[in-house]
């Protein structure tokens, strides 16, 4: 497996998890993020929103980034002070794909009339204060930010 480089300093190791991107590992990713949020002043409502967004993004990586094979995903959690917030960044070396370019689903249509897909990313964009994507150094880098 190739070495992955991330724009972080070595002392952030406790806030970084590299894991096989499979649906079976979702609980481990959720536990990792939840543990990082436990020691912060992050309100419960924001925690729930972050945890839901993390689930949506990780499952998308597990389902599509390396299909039909598997690969790794790295999750980095950081806490900028100004303003107080949490940033969760996902890195993968899967197929380059910007999920933010996909058109938002028309939620005014009934479920049977809507196209399949895109609802999780749409929900993530609504729950987070900022969602950004870039393809950098051979990696998909998706960043979620939530102020509290």
C-alpha atoms as a PDB file:
ATOM      1  CA  UNK A   1       0.000   0.000   0.000  1.00  0.00           C
ATOM      2  CA  UNK A   2       1.417   3.436  -0.924  1.00  0.00           C
ATOM      3  CA  UNK A   3       2.267   5.890   1.805  1.00  0.00           C
ATOM      4  CA  UNK A   4      -0.347   8.586   2.224  1.00  0.00           C
ATOM      5  CA  UNK A   5       0.749  12.096   3.018  1.00  0.00           C
ATOM      6  CA  UNK A   6      -1.595  14.534   4.681  1.00  0.00           C
ATOM      7  CA  UNK A   7      -1.128  18.246   5.353  1.00  0.00           C
ATOM      8  CA  UNK A   8      -0.880  17.764   9.114  1.00  0.00           C
ATOM      9  CA  UNK A   9       1.832  17.788  11.705  1.00  0.00           C
ATOM     10  CA  UNK A  10       2.900  14.563  13.470  1.00  0.00           C
ATOM     11  CA  UNK A  11       1.354  15.688  16.774  1.00  0.00           C
ATOM     12  CA  UNK A  12      -2.118  15.386  15.209  1.00  0.00           C
ATOM     13  CA  UNK A  13      -1.840  11.568  15.129  1.00  0.00           C
ATOM     14  CA  UNK A  14      -4.419  11.151  17.888  1.00  0.00           C
ATOM     15  CA  UNK A  15      -6.907  13.051  15.745  1.00  0.00           C
ATOM     16  CA  UNK A  16      -6.312  10.981  12.613  1.00  0.00           C
ATOM     17  CA  UNK A  17      -7.660   7.551  11.701  1.00  0.00           C
ATOM     18  CA  UNK A  18      -6.640   5.583   8.630  1.00  0.00           C
ATOM     19  CA  UNK A  19      -9.010   2.687   8.002  1.00  0.00           C
ATOM     20  CA  UNK A  20     -10.136   0.316   5.279  1.00  0.00           C
ATOM     21  CA  UNK A  21     -13.013   2.055   3.486  1.00  0.00           C
ATOM     22  CA  UNK A  22     -15.722  -0.558   3.982  1.00  0.00           C
ATOM     23  CA  UNK A  23     -19.257  -0.231   5.305  1.00  0.00           C
ATOM     24  CA  UNK A  24     -18.305  -2.639   8.103  1.00  0.00           C
ATOM     25  CA  UNK A  25     -15.885  -0.022   9.446  1.00  0.00           C
ATOM     26  CA  UNK A  26     -18.499   2.724   9.767  1.00  0.00           C
ATOM     27  CA  UNK A  27     -18.966   2.070  13.502  1.00  0.00           C
ATOM     28  CA  UNK A  28     -15.216   2.474  14.093  1.00  0.00           C
ATOM     29  CA  UNK A  29     -15.194   5.781  12.206  1.00  0.00           C
ATOM     30  CA  UNK A  30     -18.232   7.018  14.122  1.00  0.00           C
ATOM     31  CA  UNK A  31     -16.651   6.022  17.453  1.00  0.00           C
ATOM     32  CA  UNK A  32     -13.424   7.780  16.495  1.00  0.00           C
ATOM     33  CA  UNK A  33     -15.198  11.053  15.636  1.00  0.00           C
ATOM     34  CA  UNK A  34     -17.506  10.829  18.647  1.00  0.00           C
ATOM     35  CA  UNK A  35     -14.527  10.339  20.972  1.00  0.00           C
ATOM     36  CA  UNK A  36     -12.887  13.486  19.572  1.00  0.00           C
ATOM     37  CA  UNK A  37     -16.084  15.489  20.072  1.00  0.00           C
ATOM     38  CA  UNK A  38     -16.618  14.284  23.651  1.00  0.00           C
ATOM     39  CA  UNK A  39     -13.953  16.529  25.141  1.00  0.00           C
ATOM     40  CA  UNK A  40     -15.112  19.692  23.384  1.00  0.00           C
ATOM     41  CA  UNK A  41     -17.758  22.315  23.994  1.00  0.00           C
ATOM     42  CA  UNK A  42     -19.576  21.121  20.889  1.00  0.00           C
ATOM     43  CA  UNK A  43     -23.334  21.178  21.612  1.00  0.00           C
ATOM     44  CA  UNK A  44     -25.306  17.938  21.317  1.00  0.00           C
ATOM     45  CA  UNK A  45     -27.307  19.137  18.283  1.00  0.00           C
ATOM     46  CA  UNK A  46     -24.107  19.967  16.379  1.00  0.00           C
ATOM     47  CA  UNK A  47     -22.608  16.598  17.376  1.00  0.00           C
ATOM     48  CA  UNK A  48     -25.578  14.753  15.972  1.00  0.00           C
ATOM     49  CA  UNK A  49     -25.347  16.740  12.727  1.00  0.00           C
ATOM     50  CA  UNK A  50     -21.612  16.060  12.434  1.00  0.00           C
ATOM     51  CA  UNK A  51     -22.086  12.358  13.127  1.00  0.00           C
ATOM     52  CA  UNK A  52     -24.785  12.085  10.448  1.00  0.00           C
ATOM     53  CA  UNK A  53     -22.620  13.906   7.902  1.00  0.00           C
ATOM     54  CA  UNK A  54     -19.634  11.672   8.757  1.00  0.00           C
ATOM     55  CA  UNK A  55     -21.795   8.608   8.176  1.00  0.00           C
ATOM     56  CA  UNK A  56     -22.980   9.855   4.784  1.00  0.00           C
ATOM     57  CA  UNK A  57     -19.500  10.747   3.548  1.00  0.00           C
ATOM     58  CA  UNK A  58     -17.756   7.610   4.818  1.00  0.00           C
ATOM     59  CA  UNK A  59     -20.403   5.324   3.323  1.00  0.00           C
ATOM     60  CA  UNK A  60     -20.037   7.126  -0.015  1.00  0.00           C
ATOM     61  CA  UNK A  61     -16.271   6.553   0.078  1.00  0.00           C
ATOM     62  CA  UNK A  62     -16.774   2.909   1.059  1.00  0.00           C
ATOM     63  CA  UNK A  63     -19.346   2.378  -1.683  1.00  0.00           C
ATOM     64  CA  UNK A  64     -17.855   4.251  -4.618  1.00  0.00           C
ATOM     65  CA  UNK A  65     -14.256   5.462  -4.233  1.00  0.00           C
ATOM     66  CA  UNK A  66     -12.538   2.185  -5.042  1.00  0.00           C
ATOM     67  CA  UNK A  67     -15.376   0.110  -6.523  1.00  0.00           C
ATOM     68  CA  UNK A  68     -15.271  -2.763  -7.194  1.00  0.00           C
ATOM     69  CA  UNK A  69     -12.095  -3.005  -5.079  1.00  0.00           C
ATOM     70  CA  UNK A  70     -11.412  -1.518  -1.654  1.00  0.00           C
ATOM     71  CA  UNK A  71      -8.874   0.942  -0.341  1.00  0.00           C
ATOM     72  CA  UNK A  72      -8.291   3.129   2.666  1.00  0.00           C
ATOM     73  CA  UNK A  73      -9.840   6.312   3.930  1.00  0.00           C
ATOM     74  CA  UNK A  74      -8.261   8.703   6.372  1.00  0.00           C
ATOM     75  CA  UNK A  75     -10.342  10.828   8.715  1.00  0.00           C
ATOM     76  CA  UNK A  76      -8.785  13.875  10.342  1.00  0.00           C
ATOM     77  CA  UNK A  77     -10.594  15.799  13.095  1.00  0.00           C
ATOM     78  CA  UNK A  78      -9.385  19.259  14.092  1.00  0.00           C
ATOM     79  CA  UNK A  79     -10.713  22.070  16.234  1.00  0.00           C
ATOM     80  CA  UNK A  80      -9.968  25.588  14.990  1.00  0.00           C
ATOM     81  CA  UNK A  81     -10.347  28.168  17.767  1.00  0.00           C
ATOM     82  CA  UNK A  82     -11.590  31.153  15.819  1.00  0.00           C
ATOM     83  CA  UNK A  83     -14.486  30.707  15.591  1.00  0.00           C
ATOM     84  CA  UNK A  84     -14.858  27.627  17.797  1.00  0.00           C
ATOM     85  CA  UNK A  85     -15.582  24.814  15.390  1.00  0.00           C
ATOM     86  CA  UNK A  86     -14.804  21.301  14.291  1.00  0.00           C
ATOM     87  CA  UNK A  87     -13.354  20.314  10.945  1.00  0.00           C
ATOM     88  CA  UNK A  88     -13.572  16.738   9.703  1.00  0.00           C
ATOM     89  CA  UNK A  89     -11.510  15.996   6.620  1.00  0.00           C
ATOM     90  CA  UNK A  90     -11.736  12.791   4.600  1.00  0.00           C
ATOM     91  CA  UNK A  91      -8.882  11.649   2.363  1.00  0.00           C
ATOM     92  CA  UNK A  92      -8.995   8.779  -0.109  1.00  0.00           C
ATOM     93  CA  UNK A  93      -6.980   7.718  -3.134  1.00  0.00           C
ATOM     94  CA  UNK A  94      -9.993   6.387  -4.994  1.00  0.00           C
ATOM     95  CA  UNK A  95     -11.477   7.546  -8.262  1.00  0.00           C
ATOM     96  CA  UNK A  96     -11.284  11.365  -8.454  1.00  0.00           C
ATOM     97  CA  UNK A  97     -14.812  12.588  -7.816  1.00  0.00           C
ATOM     98  CA  UNK A  98     -16.255  15.880  -6.594  1.00  0.00           C
ATOM     99  CA  UNK A  99     -19.632  15.052  -5.004  1.00  0.00           C
ATOM    100  CA  UNK A 100     -20.385  18.774  -4.630  1.00  0.00           C
ATOM    101  CA  UNK A 101     -20.698  19.188  -8.407  1.00  0.00           C
ATOM    102  CA  UNK A 102     -23.652  16.822  -8.519  1.00  0.00           C
ATOM    103  CA  UNK A 103     -26.937  18.680  -8.840  1.00  0.00           C
ATOM    104  CA  UNK A 104     -28.966  18.751  -5.624  1.00  0.00           C
ATOM    105  CA  UNK A 105     -32.012  16.485  -5.679  1.00  0.00           C
ATOM    106  CA  UNK A 106     -35.423  18.082  -6.134  1.00  0.00           C
ATOM    107  CA  UNK A 107     -36.856  17.439  -2.679  1.00  0.00           C
ATOM    108  CA  UNK A 108     -40.209  18.867  -3.720  1.00  0.00           C
ATOM    109  CA  UNK A 109     -40.832  15.684  -5.733  1.00  0.00           C
ATOM    110  CA  UNK A 110     -42.190  12.577  -4.064  1.00  0.00           C
ATOM    111  CA  UNK A 111     -39.661   9.813  -3.424  1.00  0.00           C
ATOM    112  CA  UNK A 112     -40.870   7.754  -6.405  1.00  0.00           C
ATOM    113  CA  UNK A 113     -40.261  10.658  -8.814  1.00  0.00           C
ATOM    114  CA  UNK A 114     -36.762  11.565  -7.580  1.00  0.00           C
ATOM    115  CA  UNK A 115     -33.580  10.143  -9.062  1.00  0.00           C
ATOM    116  CA  UNK A 116     -31.676   7.724  -6.879  1.00  0.00           C
ATOM    117  CA  UNK A 117     -28.589   9.151  -5.183  1.00  0.00           C
ATOM    118  CA  UNK A 118     -27.363  12.516  -4.047  1.00  0.00           C
ATOM    119  CA  UNK A 119     -29.581  12.884  -0.990  1.00  0.00           C
ATOM    120  CA  UNK A 120     -26.773  12.123   1.498  1.00  0.00           C
ATOM    121  CA  UNK A 121     -24.441  14.785   0.087  1.00  0.00           C
ATOM    122  CA  UNK A 122     -27.349  17.240  -0.094  1.00  0.00           C
ATOM    123  CA  UNK A 123     -28.148  16.547   3.556  1.00  0.00           C
ATOM    124  CA  UNK A 124     -24.478  16.952   4.493  1.00  0.00           C
ATOM    125  CA  UNK A 125     -24.347  20.354   2.782  1.00  0.00           C
ATOM    126  CA  UNK A 126     -27.456  21.440   4.717  1.00  0.00           C
ATOM    127  CA  UNK A 127     -26.154  20.227   8.094  1.00  0.00           C
ATOM    128  CA  UNK A 128     -22.620  21.622   7.893  1.00  0.00           C
ATOM    129  CA  UNK A 129     -21.578  25.278   7.801  1.00  0.00           C
ATOM    130  CA  UNK A 130     -19.107  24.577   5.014  1.00  0.00           C
ATOM    131  CA  UNK A 131     -18.339  21.605   2.784  1.00  0.00           C
ATOM    132  CA  UNK A 132     -15.461  21.734   0.325  1.00  0.00           C
ATOM    133  CA  UNK A 133     -13.735  19.351  -2.055  1.00  0.00           C
ATOM    134  CA  UNK A 134     -10.416  19.312  -3.818  1.00  0.00           C
ATOM    135  CA  UNK A 135      -8.317  16.733  -5.605  1.00  0.00           C
ATOM    136  CA  UNK A 136      -4.787  17.177  -4.294  1.00  0.00           C
ATOM    137  CA  UNK A 137      -1.657  15.043  -4.514  1.00  0.00           C
ATOM    138  CA  UNK A 138      -3.573  12.087  -5.958  1.00  0.00           C
ATOM    139  CA  UNK A 139      -6.235  12.234  -3.239  1.00  0.00           C
ATOM    140  CA  UNK A 140      -9.865  13.195  -2.914  1.00  0.00           C
ATOM    141  CA  UNK A 141     -10.021  15.635   0.007  1.00  0.00           C
ATOM    142  CA  UNK A 142     -13.497  16.420   1.347  1.00  0.00           C
ATOM    143  CA  UNK A 143     -13.709  18.803   4.286  1.00  0.00           C
ATOM    144  CA  UNK A 144     -16.705  19.384   6.575  1.00  0.00           C
ATOM    145  CA  UNK A 145     -16.818  22.368   8.952  1.00  0.00           C
ATOM    146  CA  UNK A 146     -19.266  23.014  11.752  1.00  0.00           C
ATOM    147  CA  UNK A 147     -19.139  26.087  14.015  1.00  0.00           C
ATOM    148  CA  UNK A 148     -20.359  25.877  17.607  1.00  0.00           C
END
